[in-house]
Amino acid sequence: LQMTSLKPEDTAVYYCYRRQDGGVYWGQGT
């Protein structure tokens, strides 16, 4: 995820996920 022109409103914990084969998996957050 390339993020440019970042704004204070973008401040957050970002969590990635992967959906495959009927399941959902999660990253640890950054």
ModelCIF file with pLDDT and N, C-alpha, C, O atoms, coordinates in Angstrom:
data_MODEL
#
_entry.id   MODEL 
#
_entity.id                         1 
_entity.type                       polymer 
_entity.pdbx_number_of_molecules   1 
#
_entity_poly.entity_id                      1 
_entity_poly.type                           'polypeptide(L)' 
_entity_poly.nstd_linkage                   no 
_entity_poly.nstd_monomer                   no 
_entity_poly.pdbx_seq_one_letter_code       LQMTSLKPEDTAVYYCYRRQDGGVYWGQGT 
_entity_poly.pdbx_seq_one_letter_code_can   LQMTSLKPEDTAVYYCYRRQDGGVYWGQGT 
_entity_poly.pdbx_strand_id                 A 
#
loop_
_entity_poly_seq.entity_id 
_entity_poly_seq.num 
_entity_poly_seq.mon_id 
_entity_poly_seq.hetero 
1 1  LEU n 
1 2  GLN n 
1 3  MET n 
1 4  THR n 
1 5  SER n 
1 6  LEU n 
1 7  LYS n 
1 8  PRO n 
1 9  GLU n 
1 10 ASP n 
1 11 THR n 
1 12 ALA n 
1 13 VAL n 
1 14 TYR n 
1 15 TYR n 
1 16 CYS n 
1 17 TYR n 
1 18 ARG n 
1 19 ARG n 
1 20 GLN n 
1 21 ASP n 
1 22 GLY n 
1 23 GLY n 
1 24 VAL n 
1 25 TYR n 
1 26 TRP n 
1 27 GLY n 
1 28 GLN n 
1 29 GLY n 
1 30 THR n 
#
_struct_asym.id          A 
_struct_asym.entity_id   1 
#
loop_
_ma_qa_metric.id 
_ma_qa_metric.mode 
_ma_qa_metric.name 
_ma_qa_metric.software_group_id 
_ma_qa_metric.type 
1 global pLDDT . pLDDT 
2 local  pLDDT . pLDDT 
#
_ma_qa_metric_global.metric_id      1 
_ma_qa_metric_global.metric_value   97.33 
_ma_qa_metric_global.model_id       1 
_ma_qa_metric_global.ordinal_id     1 
#
loop_
_ma_qa_metric_local.label_asym_id 
_ma_qa_metric_local.label_comp_id 
_ma_qa_metric_local.label_seq_id 
_ma_qa_metric_local.metric_id 
_ma_qa_metric_local.metric_value 
_ma_qa_metric_local.model_id 
_ma_qa_metric_local.ordinal_id 
A LEU 1  2 98.00 1 1  
A GLN 2  2 98.00 1 2  
A MET 3  2 98.00 1 3  
A THR 4  2 98.00 1 4  
A SER 5  2 98.00 1 5  
A LEU 6  2 98.00 1 6  
A LYS 7  2 98.00 1 7  
A PRO 8  2 97.00 1 8  
A GLU 9  2 96.00 1 9  
A ASP 10 2 98.00 1 10 
A THR 11 2 98.00 1 11 
A ALA 12 2 98.00 1 12 
A VAL 13 2 98.00 1 13 
A TYR 14 2 98.00 1 14 
A TYR 15 2 98.00 1 15 
A CYS 16 2 98.00 1 16 
A TYR 17 2 98.00 1 17 
A ARG 18 2 98.00 1 18 
A ARG 19 2 98.00 1 19 
A GLN 20 2 97.00 1 20 
A ASP 21 2 94.00 1 21 
A GLY 22 2 94.00 1 22 
A GLY 23 2 96.00 1 23 
A VAL 24 2 97.00 1 24 
A TYR 25 2 98.00 1 25 
A TRP 26 2 97.00 1 26 
A GLY 27 2 97.00 1 27 
A GLN 28 2 97.00 1 28 
A GLY 29 2 97.00 1 29 
A THR 30 2 97.00 1 30 
#
loop_
_atom_site.group_PDB 
_atom_site.id 
_atom_site.type_symbol 
_atom_site.label_atom_id 
_atom_site.label_alt_id 
_atom_site.label_comp_id 
_atom_site.label_asym_id 
_atom_site.label_entity_id 
_atom_site.label_seq_id 
_atom_site.pdbx_PDB_ins_code 
_atom_site.Cartn_x 
_atom_site.Cartn_y 
_atom_site.Cartn_z 
_atom_site.occupancy 
_atom_site.B_iso_or_equiv 
_atom_site.pdbx_formal_charge 
_atom_site.auth_seq_id 
_atom_site.auth_comp_id 
_atom_site.auth_asym_id 
_atom_site.auth_atom_id 
_atom_site.pdbx_PDB_model_num 
ATOM 1   N N  . LEU A 1 1  ? 0.856   -1.173  0.000  1.00 98.00 ? 1  LEU A N  1 
ATOM 2   C CA . LEU A 1 1  ? 0.000   0.000   0.000  1.00 98.00 ? 1  LEU A CA 1 
ATOM 3   C C  . LEU A 1 1  ? 0.893   1.224   0.000  1.00 98.00 ? 1  LEU A C  1 
ATOM 4   O O  . LEU A 1 1  ? 1.466   1.587   1.028  1.00 98.00 ? 1  LEU A O  1 
ATOM 5   N N  . GLN A 1 2  ? 1.011   1.862   -1.162 1.00 98.00 ? 2  GLN A N  1 
ATOM 6   C CA . GLN A 1 2  ? 1.788   3.080   -1.294 1.00 98.00 ? 2  GLN A CA 1 
ATOM 7   C C  . GLN A 1 2  ? 0.899   4.260   -0.926 1.00 98.00 ? 2  GLN A C  1 
ATOM 8   O O  . GLN A 1 2  ? -0.111  4.514   -1.583 1.00 98.00 ? 2  GLN A O  1 
ATOM 9   N N  . MET A 1 3  ? 1.275   4.970   0.117  1.00 98.00 ? 3  MET A N  1 
ATOM 10  C CA . MET A 1 3  ? 0.494   6.079   0.622  1.00 98.00 ? 3  MET A CA 1 
ATOM 11  C C  . MET A 1 3  ? 1.270   7.363   0.406  1.00 98.00 ? 3  MET A C  1 
ATOM 12  O O  . MET A 1 3  ? 2.397   7.503   0.883  1.00 98.00 ? 3  MET A O  1 
ATOM 13  N N  . THR A 1 4  ? 0.671   8.299   -0.311 1.00 98.00 ? 4  THR A N  1 
ATOM 14  C CA . THR A 1 4  ? 1.282   9.594   -0.578 1.00 98.00 ? 4  THR A CA 1 
ATOM 15  C C  . THR A 1 4  ? 0.344   10.696  -0.121 1.00 98.00 ? 4  THR A C  1 
ATOM 16  O O  . THR A 1 4  ? -0.829  10.459  0.168  1.00 98.00 ? 4  THR A O  1 
ATOM 17  N N  . SER A 1 5  ? 0.888   11.909  -0.062 1.00 98.00 ? 5  SER A N  1 
ATOM 18  C CA . SER A 1 5  ? 0.106   13.074  0.372  1.00 98.00 ? 5  SER A CA 1 
ATOM 19  C C  . SER A 1 5  ? -0.639  12.785  1.667  1.00 98.00 ? 5  SER A C  1 
ATOM 20  O O  . SER A 1 5  ? -1.829  13.075  1.792  1.00 98.00 ? 5  SER A O  1 
ATOM 21  N N  . LEU A 1 6  ? 0.068   12.216  2.614  1.00 98.00 ? 6  LEU A N  1 
ATOM 22  C CA . LEU A 1 6  ? -0.568  11.773  3.848  1.00 98.00 ? 6  LEU A CA 1 
ATOM 23  C C  . LEU A 1 6  ? -1.085  12.958  4.655  1.00 98.00 ? 6  LEU A C  1 
ATOM 24  O O  . LEU A 1 6  ? -0.485  14.032  4.690  1.00 98.00 ? 6  LEU A O  1 
ATOM 25  N N  . LYS A 1 7  ? -2.205  12.721  5.292  1.00 98.00 ? 7  LYS A N  1 
ATOM 26  C CA . LYS A 1 7  ? -2.884  13.718  6.102  1.00 98.00 ? 7  LYS A CA 1 
ATOM 27  C C  . LYS A 1 7  ? -2.992  13.225  7.539  1.00 98.00 ? 7  LYS A C  1 
ATOM 28  O O  . LYS A 1 7  ? -2.955  12.018  7.777  1.00 98.00 ? 7  LYS A O  1 
ATOM 29  N N  . PRO A 1 8  ? -3.124  14.136  8.501  1.00 97.00 ? 8  PRO A N  1 
ATOM 30  C CA . PRO A 1 8  ? -3.322  13.690  9.886  1.00 97.00 ? 8  PRO A CA 1 
ATOM 31  C C  . PRO A 1 8  ? -4.503  12.741  10.043 1.00 97.00 ? 8  PRO A C  1 
ATOM 32  O O  . PRO A 1 8  ? -4.477  11.870  10.913 1.00 97.00 ? 8  PRO A O  1 
ATOM 33  N N  . GLU A 1 9  ? -5.524  12.890  9.228  1.00 96.00 ? 9  GLU A N  1 
ATOM 34  C CA . GLU A 1 9  ? -6.685  12.017  9.291  1.00 96.00 ? 9  GLU A CA 1 
ATOM 35  C C  . GLU A 1 9  ? -6.369  10.579  8.896  1.00 96.00 ? 9  GLU A C  1 
ATOM 36  O O  . GLU A 1 9  ? -7.177  9.683   9.144  1.00 96.00 ? 9  GLU A O  1 
ATOM 37  N N  . ASP A 1 10 ? -5.211  10.342  8.286  1.00 98.00 ? 10 ASP A N  1 
ATOM 38  C CA . ASP A 1 10 ? -4.791  8.985   7.944  1.00 98.00 ? 10 ASP A CA 1 
ATOM 39  C C  . ASP A 1 10 ? -4.177  8.249   9.127  1.00 98.00 ? 10 ASP A C  1 
ATOM 40  O O  . ASP A 1 10 ? -3.906  7.052   9.032  1.00 98.00 ? 10 ASP A O  1 
ATOM 41  N N  . THR A 1 11 ? -3.956  8.937   10.226 1.00 98.00 ? 11 THR A N  1 
ATOM 42  C CA . THR A 1 11 ? -3.355  8.318   11.397 1.00 98.00 ? 11 THR A CA 1 
ATOM 43  C C  . THR A 1 11 ? -4.258  7.214   11.929 1.00 98.00 ? 11 THR A C  1 
ATOM 44  O O  . THR A 1 11 ? -5.434  7.440   12.210 1.00 98.00 ? 11 THR A O  1 
ATOM 45  N N  . ALA A 1 12 ? -3.695  6.017   12.063 1.00 98.00 ? 12 ALA A N  1 
ATOM 46  C CA . ALA A 1 12 ? -4.463  4.859   12.511 1.00 98.00 ? 12 ALA A CA 1 
ATOM 47  C C  . ALA A 1 12 ? -3.535  3.665   12.612 1.00 98.00 ? 12 ALA A C  1 
ATOM 48  O O  . ALA A 1 12 ? -2.385  3.713   12.174 1.00 98.00 ? 12 ALA A O  1 
ATOM 49  N N  . VAL A 1 13 ? -4.050  2.595   13.195 1.00 98.00 ? 13 VAL A N  1 
ATOM 50  C CA . VAL A 1 13 ? -3.413  1.295   13.072 1.00 98.00 ? 13 VAL A CA 1 
ATOM 51  C C  . VAL A 1 13 ? -3.964  0.643   11.815 1.00 98.00 ? 13 VAL A C  1 
ATOM 52  O O  . VAL A 1 13 ? -5.177  0.531   11.641 1.00 98.00 ? 13 VAL A O  1 
ATOM 53  N N  . TYR A 1 14 ? -3.069  0.217   10.947 1.00 98.00 ? 14 TYR A N  1 
ATOM 54  C CA . TYR A 1 14 ? -3.451  -0.403  9.681  1.00 98.00 ? 14 TYR A CA 1 
ATOM 55  C C  . TYR A 1 14 ? -3.268  -1.915  9.789  1.00 98.00 ? 14 TYR A C  1 
ATOM 56  O O  . TYR A 1 14 ? -2.193  -2.396  10.146 1.00 98.00 ? 14 TYR A O  1 
ATOM 57  N N  . TYR A 1 15 ? -4.320  -2.651  9.480  1.00 98.00 ? 15 TYR A N  1 
ATOM 58  C CA . TYR A 1 15 ? -4.318  -4.107  9.540  1.00 98.00 ? 15 TYR A CA 1 
ATOM 59  C C  . TYR A 1 15 ? -4.518  -4.668  8.143  1.00 98.00 ? 15 TYR A C  1 
ATOM 60  O O  . TYR A 1 15 ? -5.474  -4.305  7.458  1.00 98.00 ? 15 TYR A O  1 
ATOM 61  N N  . CYS A 1 16 ? -3.626  -5.547  7.718  1.00 98.00 ? 16 CYS A N  1 
ATOM 62  C CA . CYS A 1 16 ? -3.847  -6.212  6.444  1.00 98.00 ? 16 CYS A CA 1 
ATOM 63  C C  . CYS A 1 16 ? -4.597  -7.520  6.664  1.00 98.00 ? 16 CYS A C  1 
ATOM 64  O O  . CYS A 1 16 ? -4.570  -8.099  7.750  1.00 98.00 ? 16 CYS A O  1 
ATOM 65  N N  . TYR A 1 17 ? -5.261  -7.966  5.614  1.00 98.00 ? 17 TYR A N  1 
ATOM 66  C CA . TYR A 1 17 ? -5.974  -9.230  5.668  1.00 98.00 ? 17 TYR A CA 1 
ATOM 67  C C  . TYR A 1 17 ? -5.834  -9.948  4.336  1.00 98.00 ? 17 TYR A C  1 
ATOM 68  O O  . TYR A 1 17 ? -5.547  -9.339  3.305  1.00 98.00 ? 17 TYR A O  1 
ATOM 69  N N  . ARG A 1 18 ? -6.041  -11.246 4.384  1.00 98.00 ? 18 ARG A N  1 
ATOM 70  C CA . ARG A 1 18 ? -6.077  -12.072 3.191  1.00 98.00 ? 18 ARG A CA 1 
ATOM 71  C C  . ARG A 1 18 ? -7.293  -12.987 3.264  1.00 98.00 ? 18 ARG A C  1 
ATOM 72  O O  . ARG A 1 18 ? -7.503  -13.678 4.261  1.00 98.00 ? 18 ARG A O  1 
ATOM 73  N N  . ARG A 1 19 ? -8.079  -12.984 2.212  1.00 98.00 ? 19 ARG A N  1 
ATOM 74  C CA . ARG A 1 19 ? -9.227  -13.859 2.103  1.00 98.00 ? 19 ARG A CA 1 
ATOM 75  C C  . ARG A 1 19 ? -8.960  -14.873 1.007  1.00 98.00 ? 19 ARG A C  1 
ATOM 76  O O  . ARG A 1 19 ? -8.678  -14.505 -0.133 1.00 98.00 ? 19 ARG A O  1 
ATOM 77  N N  . GLN A 1 20 ? -9.047  -16.147 1.350  1.00 97.00 ? 20 GLN A N  1 
ATOM 78  C CA . GLN A 1 20 ? -8.820  -17.211 0.390  1.00 97.00 ? 20 GLN A CA 1 
ATOM 79  C C  . GLN A 1 20 ? -9.499  -18.484 0.867  1.00 97.00 ? 20 GLN A C  1 
ATOM 80  O O  . GLN A 1 20 ? -9.609  -18.732 2.067  1.00 97.00 ? 20 GLN A O  1 
ATOM 81  N N  . ASP A 1 21 ? -9.945  -19.276 -0.073 1.00 94.00 ? 21 ASP A N  1 
ATOM 82  C CA . ASP A 1 21 ? -10.444 -20.621 0.226  1.00 94.00 ? 21 ASP A CA 1 
ATOM 83  C C  . ASP A 1 21 ? -11.456 -20.615 1.376  1.00 94.00 ? 21 ASP A C  1 
ATOM 84  O O  . ASP A 1 21 ? -11.472 -21.533 2.196  1.00 94.00 ? 21 ASP A O  1 
ATOM 85  N N  . GLY A 1 22 ? -12.287 -19.593 1.432  1.00 94.00 ? 22 GLY A N  1 
ATOM 86  C CA . GLY A 1 22 ? -13.307 -19.511 2.459  1.00 94.00 ? 22 GLY A CA 1 
ATOM 87  C C  . GLY A 1 22 ? -12.830 -19.062 3.827  1.00 94.00 ? 22 GLY A C  1 
ATOM 88  O O  . GLY A 1 22 ? -13.622 -19.034 4.769  1.00 94.00 ? 22 GLY A O  1 
ATOM 89  N N  . GLY A 1 23 ? -11.565 -18.711 3.965  1.00 96.00 ? 23 GLY A N  1 
ATOM 90  C CA . GLY A 1 23 ? -11.022 -18.261 5.220  1.00 96.00 ? 23 GLY A CA 1 
ATOM 91  C C  . GLY A 1 23 ? -10.493 -16.849 5.150  1.00 96.00 ? 23 GLY A C  1 
ATOM 92  O O  . GLY A 1 23 ? -10.221 -16.329 4.068  1.00 96.00 ? 23 GLY A O  1 
ATOM 93  N N  . VAL A 1 24 ? -10.348 -16.228 6.311  1.00 97.00 ? 24 VAL A N  1 
ATOM 94  C CA . VAL A 1 24 ? -9.811  -14.877 6.419  1.00 97.00 ? 24 VAL A CA 1 
ATOM 95  C C  . VAL A 1 24 ? -8.670  -14.895 7.425  1.00 97.00 ? 24 VAL A C  1 
ATOM 96  O O  . VAL A 1 24 ? -8.790  -15.482 8.500  1.00 97.00 ? 24 VAL A O  1 
ATOM 97  N N  . TYR A 1 25 ? -7.560  -14.247 7.072  1.00 98.00 ? 25 TYR A N  1 
ATOM 98  C CA . TYR A 1 25 ? -6.371  -14.213 7.913  1.00 98.00 ? 25 TYR A CA 1 
ATOM 99  C C  . TYR A 1 25 ? -5.943  -12.765 8.081  1.00 98.00 ? 25 TYR A C  1 
ATOM 100 O O  . TYR A 1 25 ? -6.167  -11.934 7.202  1.00 98.00 ? 25 TYR A O  1 
ATOM 101 N N  . TRP A 1 26 ? -5.323  -12.472 9.219  1.00 97.00 ? 26 TRP A N  1 
ATOM 102 C CA . TRP A 1 26 ? -5.053  -11.092 9.607  1.00 97.00 ? 26 TRP A CA 1 
ATOM 103 C C  . TRP A 1 26 ? -3.589  -10.869 9.943  1.00 97.00 ? 26 TRP A C  1 
ATOM 104 O O  . TRP A 1 26 ? -2.932  -11.738 10.517 1.00 97.00 ? 26 TRP A O  1 
ATOM 105 N N  . GLY A 1 27 ? -3.087  -9.700  9.581  1.00 97.00 ? 27 GLY A N  1 
ATOM 106 C CA . GLY A 1 27 ? -1.785  -9.266  10.021 1.00 97.00 ? 27 GLY A CA 1 
ATOM 107 C C  . GLY A 1 27 ? -1.834  -8.719  11.433 1.00 97.00 ? 27 GLY A C  1 
ATOM 108 O O  . GLY A 1 27 ? -2.904  -8.585  12.026 1.00 97.00 ? 27 GLY A O  1 
ATOM 109 N N  . GLN A 1 28 ? -0.655  -8.402  11.965 1.00 97.00 ? 28 GLN A N  1 
ATOM 110 C CA . GLN A 1 28 ? -0.557  -7.974  13.357 1.00 97.00 ? 28 GLN A CA 1 
ATOM 111 C C  . GLN A 1 28 ? -0.871  -6.500  13.562 1.00 97.00 ? 28 GLN A C  1 
ATOM 112 O O  . GLN A 1 28 ? -1.051  -6.055  14.695 1.00 97.00 ? 28 GLN A O  1 
ATOM 113 N N  . GLY A 1 29 ? -0.938  -5.743  12.479 1.00 97.00 ? 29 GLY A N  1 
ATOM 114 C CA . GLY A 1 29 ? -1.187  -4.317  12.549 1.00 97.00 ? 29 GLY A CA 1 
ATOM 115 C C  . GLY A 1 29 ? 0.102   -3.514  12.589 1.00 97.00 ? 29 GLY A C  1 
ATOM 116 O O  . GLY A 1 29 ? 1.106   -3.954  13.149 1.00 97.00 ? 29 GLY A O  1 
ATOM 117 N N  . THR A 1 30 ? 0.061   -2.339  11.991 1.00 97.00 ? 30 THR A N  1 
ATOM 118 C CA . THR A 1 30 ? 1.201   -1.438  12.024 1.00 97.00 ? 30 THR A CA 1 
ATOM 119 C C  . THR A 1 30 ? 0.687   -0.008  12.188 1.00 97.00 ? 30 THR A C  1 
ATOM 120 O O  . THR A 1 30 ? 1.481   0.931   12.242 1.00 97.00 ? 30 THR A O  1 
#
